[in-house]
């Protein structure tokens, strides 16, 4: 009996179809979440941010003065009014007790987050996806159960190097429960 060679394309197609059937019939591999430790961070205001805001305000006032010396009265007065409004709103916002920044940040091993307010109350919260890393700093956008929004700028100015490294490791790991969103 004579052996008839098969078409090369048909053999490749049979192997690809068999591989595809095998790949589709298996269960997907579940990735195990790495355990993470709990972390407690004391939060202090970042002095460089306050200094940067003051320098920015002074530069805006200097620009206003330059416009006024060039006899550009309209633009000079508009810049002065905008700077005065921004300074007044920020001053009132920073001094208002309802907008006080939290004192402590508790990051649990199960992916939960709690913050301690200036009043001493511990409130559950979650980190928003808008949080980001800015060089050596972390900008965390945290929303409490009551709906209050806190933006926390954490970095070398207000965290020790050990705390900053632990925070980076905690944020990079997936939550313990893969279906739970932070």
Protein backbone atom coordinates (compact mmCIF):
# COMPACT_ATOMS: atom_id res chain seq x y z
CA UNK A 1 0.00 0.00 0.00
CA UNK A 2 1.34 3.33 -0.99
CA UNK A 3 1.62 6.14 1.62
CA UNK A 4 0.23 9.38 0.32
CA UNK A 5 1.90 12.44 1.86
CA UNK A 6 -0.53 14.88 3.46
CA UNK A 7 -0.63 18.47 2.60
CA UNK A 8 1.67 20.52 4.88
CA UNK A 9 -1.00 23.18 5.44
CA UNK A 10 -3.54 20.58 6.58
CA UNK A 11 -1.08 19.11 9.14
CA UNK A 12 -0.29 22.54 10.55
CA UNK A 13 -3.99 23.34 10.76
CA UNK A 14 -4.69 20.11 12.65
CA UNK A 15 -1.94 20.84 15.17
CA UNK A 16 -3.12 24.44 15.68
CA UNK A 17 -6.73 23.31 16.14
CA UNK A 18 -5.67 20.65 18.68
CA UNK A 19 -3.56 23.17 20.58
CA UNK A 20 -6.44 25.68 20.60
CA UNK A 21 -8.94 23.06 21.86
CA UNK A 22 -6.54 22.09 24.66
CA UNK A 23 -5.88 25.71 25.64
CA UNK A 24 -9.58 26.60 25.77
CA UNK A 25 -10.56 23.54 27.77
CA UNK A 26 -8.24 24.19 30.74
CA UNK A 27 -9.14 26.35 33.73
CA UNK A 28 -7.33 29.68 33.97
CA UNK A 29 -4.56 29.74 36.54
CA UNK A 30 -5.50 31.89 39.54
CA UNK A 31 -2.77 34.16 40.74
CA UNK A 32 -2.27 34.04 44.46
CA UNK A 33 -2.08 37.44 46.09
CA UNK A 34 1.08 38.09 47.99
CA UNK A 35 0.53 38.70 51.65
CA UNK A 36 1.21 42.20 52.80
CA UNK A 37 1.86 43.48 56.25
CA UNK A 38 -0.06 46.15 58.08
CA UNK A 39 1.38 49.63 58.10
CA UNK A 40 0.72 52.63 60.31
CA UNK A 41 2.02 56.02 59.18
CA UNK A 42 1.98 59.29 61.10
CA UNK A 43 1.07 62.14 58.79
CA UNK A 44 2.75 65.52 59.09
CA UNK A 45 2.26 68.52 56.83
CA UNK A 46 4.87 68.85 54.15
CA UNK A 47 6.77 72.08 54.85
CA UNK A 48 8.11 72.39 51.30
CA UNK A 49 4.55 72.52 49.92
CA UNK A 50 3.66 75.47 52.16
CA UNK A 51 6.85 77.27 51.21
CA UNK A 52 6.19 76.56 47.52
CA UNK A 53 2.68 78.02 47.80
CA UNK A 54 4.03 81.15 49.48
CA UNK A 55 6.72 81.60 46.81
CA UNK A 56 4.12 81.15 44.05
CA UNK A 57 1.88 83.80 45.65
CA UNK A 58 4.79 86.23 45.92
CA UNK A 59 5.71 85.64 42.28
CA UNK A 60 2.11 86.32 41.23
CA UNK A 61 2.15 89.58 43.19
CA UNK A 62 5.50 90.53 41.61
CA UNK A 63 4.01 89.88 38.17
CA UNK A 64 1.07 92.08 39.13
CA UNK A 65 3.46 94.86 40.16
CA UNK A 66 5.34 94.51 36.86
CA UNK A 67 2.11 94.83 34.90
CA UNK A 68 1.16 97.94 36.88
CA UNK A 69 4.57 99.56 36.29
CA UNK A 70 4.12 98.96 32.56
CA UNK A 71 0.79 100.83 32.83
CA UNK A 72 -1.20 97.77 31.94
CA UNK A 73 -3.87 98.62 34.49
CA UNK A 74 -6.55 96.16 33.46
CA UNK A 75 -4.37 93.05 33.41
CA UNK A 76 -2.51 94.15 36.56
CA UNK A 77 -5.73 94.59 38.52
CA UNK A 78 -7.13 91.27 37.21
CA UNK A 79 -3.98 89.40 38.28
CA UNK A 80 -4.06 91.14 41.68
CA UNK A 81 -7.76 90.30 42.20
CA UNK A 82 -7.25 86.66 41.19
CA UNK A 83 -4.25 86.31 43.51
CA UNK A 84 -6.13 87.92 46.40
CA UNK A 85 -9.13 85.62 45.91
CA UNK A 86 -6.95 82.51 45.73
CA UNK A 87 -5.03 83.50 48.88
CA UNK A 88 -8.25 84.23 50.79
CA UNK A 89 -9.89 80.96 49.75
CA UNK A 90 -6.80 78.88 50.56
CA UNK A 91 -6.32 80.64 53.91
CA UNK A 92 -9.94 80.00 54.87
CA UNK A 93 -9.81 76.41 53.60
CA UNK A 94 -6.60 75.58 55.48
CA UNK A 95 -7.86 77.10 58.72
CA UNK A 96 -11.32 75.48 58.61
CA UNK A 97 -11.47 72.49 61.00
CA UNK A 98 -13.65 70.42 58.65
CA UNK A 99 -10.86 70.35 56.06
CA UNK A 100 -8.14 69.38 58.49
CA UNK A 101 -5.80 66.72 57.21
CA UNK A 102 -5.80 63.33 58.94
CA UNK A 103 -3.22 62.58 61.64
CA UNK A 104 -2.58 58.88 61.01
CA UNK A 105 -2.95 56.48 58.12
CA UNK A 106 -3.57 52.77 58.84
CA UNK A 107 -2.96 50.41 55.93
CA UNK A 108 -4.24 46.93 56.79
CA UNK A 109 -2.81 43.62 55.63
CA UNK A 110 -6.16 42.75 54.03
CA UNK A 111 -6.13 45.84 51.80
CA UNK A 112 -8.30 48.03 54.02
CA UNK A 113 -7.44 51.62 54.77
CA UNK A 114 -8.38 53.69 57.82
CA UNK A 115 -7.50 57.25 58.71
CA UNK A 116 -7.53 59.00 62.07
CA UNK A 117 -8.82 62.56 61.95
CA UNK A 118 -7.67 65.42 64.14
CA UNK A 119 -10.71 64.70 66.33
CA UNK A 120 -9.35 61.22 67.07
CA UNK A 121 -12.04 59.36 65.12
CA UNK A 122 -10.95 56.36 63.06
CA UNK A 123 -12.76 56.26 59.72
CA UNK A 124 -12.65 53.62 57.00
CA UNK A 125 -11.53 54.91 53.64
CA UNK A 126 -10.36 53.76 50.24
CA UNK A 127 -7.65 54.88 47.87
CA UNK A 128 -8.87 56.23 44.55
CA UNK A 129 -7.35 55.19 41.25
CA UNK A 130 -6.36 58.83 40.68
CA UNK A 131 -3.52 58.35 43.18
CA UNK A 132 -0.11 58.48 41.59
CA UNK A 133 3.62 58.43 42.15
CA UNK A 134 5.42 61.71 41.54
CA UNK A 135 9.12 60.91 41.59
CA UNK A 136 10.03 60.33 45.24
CA UNK A 137 6.56 61.40 46.40
CA UNK A 138 3.17 59.67 46.51
CA UNK A 139 -0.01 61.64 45.95
CA UNK A 140 -2.78 59.58 47.55
CA UNK A 141 -6.39 60.51 46.89
CA UNK A 142 -8.38 59.03 49.79
CA UNK A 143 -12.17 59.02 50.14
CA UNK A 144 -13.79 58.25 53.51
CA UNK A 145 -17.09 56.44 54.03
CA UNK A 146 -18.75 59.82 54.64
CA UNK A 147 -17.57 61.00 51.22
CA UNK A 148 -14.85 63.40 52.38
CA UNK A 149 -11.93 63.65 50.00
CA UNK A 150 -8.34 63.93 51.26
CA UNK A 151 -5.30 64.46 49.09
CA UNK A 152 -2.17 63.33 50.90
CA UNK A 153 1.26 64.22 49.56
CA UNK A 154 3.71 61.80 51.17
CA UNK A 155 7.43 61.88 50.59
CA UNK A 156 10.86 62.48 52.06
CA UNK A 157 9.76 65.71 53.73
CA UNK A 158 7.20 64.08 55.99
CA UNK A 159 8.04 60.35 56.01
CA UNK A 160 11.18 58.53 57.03
CA UNK A 161 12.91 56.46 54.35
CA UNK A 162 11.79 53.17 55.95
CA UNK A 163 8.15 54.31 56.05
CA UNK A 164 8.30 55.54 52.48
CA UNK A 165 9.72 52.22 51.24
CA UNK A 166 7.06 50.26 53.17
CA UNK A 167 4.32 52.47 51.70
CA UNK A 168 5.65 51.86 48.18
CA UNK A 169 5.68 48.09 48.74
CA UNK A 170 2.16 48.16 50.21
CA UNK A 171 0.76 50.13 47.27
CA UNK A 172 2.38 47.93 44.61
CA UNK A 173 0.90 44.66 45.91
CA UNK A 174 -2.54 43.54 44.84
CA UNK A 175 -5.27 43.33 47.49
CA UNK A 176 -5.52 40.06 49.43
CA UNK A 177 -8.93 39.39 47.88
CA UNK A 178 -8.55 39.66 44.08
CA UNK A 179 -12.17 40.76 43.68
CA UNK A 180 -11.88 43.60 46.19
CA UNK A 181 -10.99 47.01 44.85
CA UNK A 182 -9.10 49.44 47.00
